[in-house]
Protein backbone atom coordinates (compact mmCIF):
# COMPACT_ATOMS: atom_id res chain seq x y z
CA MET A 1 -6.63 -46.64 -24.71
CA SER A 2 -8.68 -49.67 -25.56
CA ASP A 3 -11.60 -49.77 -27.99
CA GLN A 4 -14.06 -50.41 -25.15
CA PRO A 5 -14.41 -47.68 -22.50
CA THR A 6 -14.31 -48.66 -18.82
CA PRO A 7 -17.40 -48.05 -16.64
CA ASP A 8 -15.99 -44.80 -15.21
CA VAL A 9 -15.69 -43.30 -18.72
CA ILE A 10 -18.60 -40.93 -19.36
CA ILE A 11 -17.53 -39.62 -22.79
CA SER A 12 -15.63 -41.74 -25.27
CA VAL A 13 -14.54 -40.63 -28.74
CA ARG A 14 -12.66 -42.82 -31.21
CA GLY A 15 -11.21 -42.07 -34.61
CA LEU A 16 -12.20 -38.39 -34.82
CA ARG A 17 -11.07 -36.61 -37.96
CA ASN A 18 -11.82 -33.01 -38.89
CA GLN A 19 -10.73 -31.57 -42.18
CA PHE A 20 -11.39 -28.34 -44.07
CA GLY A 21 -10.40 -28.79 -47.68
CA ARG A 22 -6.85 -30.12 -47.56
CA HIS A 23 -6.22 -28.81 -44.03
CA VAL A 24 -6.53 -31.60 -41.43
CA VAL A 25 -7.43 -30.21 -37.99
CA HIS A 26 -7.70 -33.51 -36.05
CA GLU A 27 -6.46 -36.88 -37.29
CA ASP A 28 -7.55 -40.17 -35.70
CA LEU A 29 -8.15 -38.59 -32.28
CA ASP A 30 -9.16 -40.87 -29.39
CA LEU A 31 -10.41 -39.31 -26.16
CA ASP A 32 -11.91 -40.59 -22.90
CA VAL A 33 -13.30 -38.38 -20.15
CA ARG A 34 -13.81 -40.14 -16.83
CA ARG A 35 -16.34 -39.31 -14.14
CA GLY A 36 -14.98 -36.50 -11.96
CA GLU A 37 -12.43 -35.30 -14.54
CA ILE A 38 -12.41 -31.80 -15.93
CA LEU A 39 -11.29 -31.49 -19.54
CA CYS A 40 -9.74 -28.23 -20.68
CA VAL A 41 -8.77 -27.65 -24.31
CA VAL A 42 -6.27 -24.84 -24.73
CA GLY A 43 -4.76 -23.40 -27.89
CA GLY A 44 -4.33 -20.35 -30.01
CA SER A 45 -6.80 -18.95 -32.50
CA GLY A 46 -7.55 -21.40 -35.31
CA THR A 47 -6.12 -24.51 -33.63
CA GLY A 48 -9.39 -26.50 -33.59
CA LYS A 49 -10.81 -25.98 -30.08
CA SER A 50 -14.33 -25.09 -31.24
CA VAL A 51 -14.23 -27.68 -34.01
CA LEU A 52 -13.40 -30.36 -31.43
CA ASP A 53 -16.39 -29.30 -29.31
CA LEU A 54 -18.80 -29.16 -32.28
CA SER A 55 -17.65 -32.59 -33.45
CA ARG A 56 -19.34 -34.18 -30.45
CA PHE A 57 -22.66 -33.32 -32.09
CA ARG A 58 -21.54 -33.88 -35.69
CA ALA A 59 -22.03 -30.14 -36.12
CA ALA A 60 -18.56 -29.46 -37.48
CA PRO A 61 -18.37 -29.54 -41.28
CA GLY A 62 -16.24 -32.47 -42.43
CA ALA A 63 -16.26 -34.23 -39.04
CA ARG A 64 -15.88 -38.02 -39.13
CA LEU A 65 -15.70 -40.37 -36.17
CA SER A 66 -15.85 -44.10 -35.71
CA HIS A 67 -17.29 -44.12 -32.18
CA LEU A 68 -18.92 -41.68 -29.77
CA SER A 69 -20.56 -42.76 -26.55
CA PHE A 70 -22.00 -41.07 -23.49
CA GLU A 71 -22.06 -43.04 -20.23
CA GLY A 72 -21.53 -46.27 -22.18
CA ASP A 73 -24.36 -45.76 -24.67
CA ARG A 74 -23.37 -45.27 -28.29
CA ALA A 75 -24.45 -41.77 -29.30
CA PHE A 76 -24.24 -42.15 -33.07
CA PRO A 77 -23.76 -45.04 -35.44
CA ALA A 78 -20.34 -45.40 -37.01
CA GLN A 79 -19.61 -43.33 -40.08
CA SER A 80 -17.74 -44.54 -43.12
């Protein structure tokens, strides 16, 4: 994946990290969802599915991301 999403990308996430204390849930996750795609996140209890979803809104405690855009528009400024 490149740093710049292509026009058919409607959701782009770069550099997502979620951590609870010393437990890292997601590390440097990059994700693109293209128009017409259906994204399904599957996993057992406690594997980070809900945390991944909440991270889109910076609602997950300890969430850090370097880039989030929706339909090409940056949703949030970069975090340090």
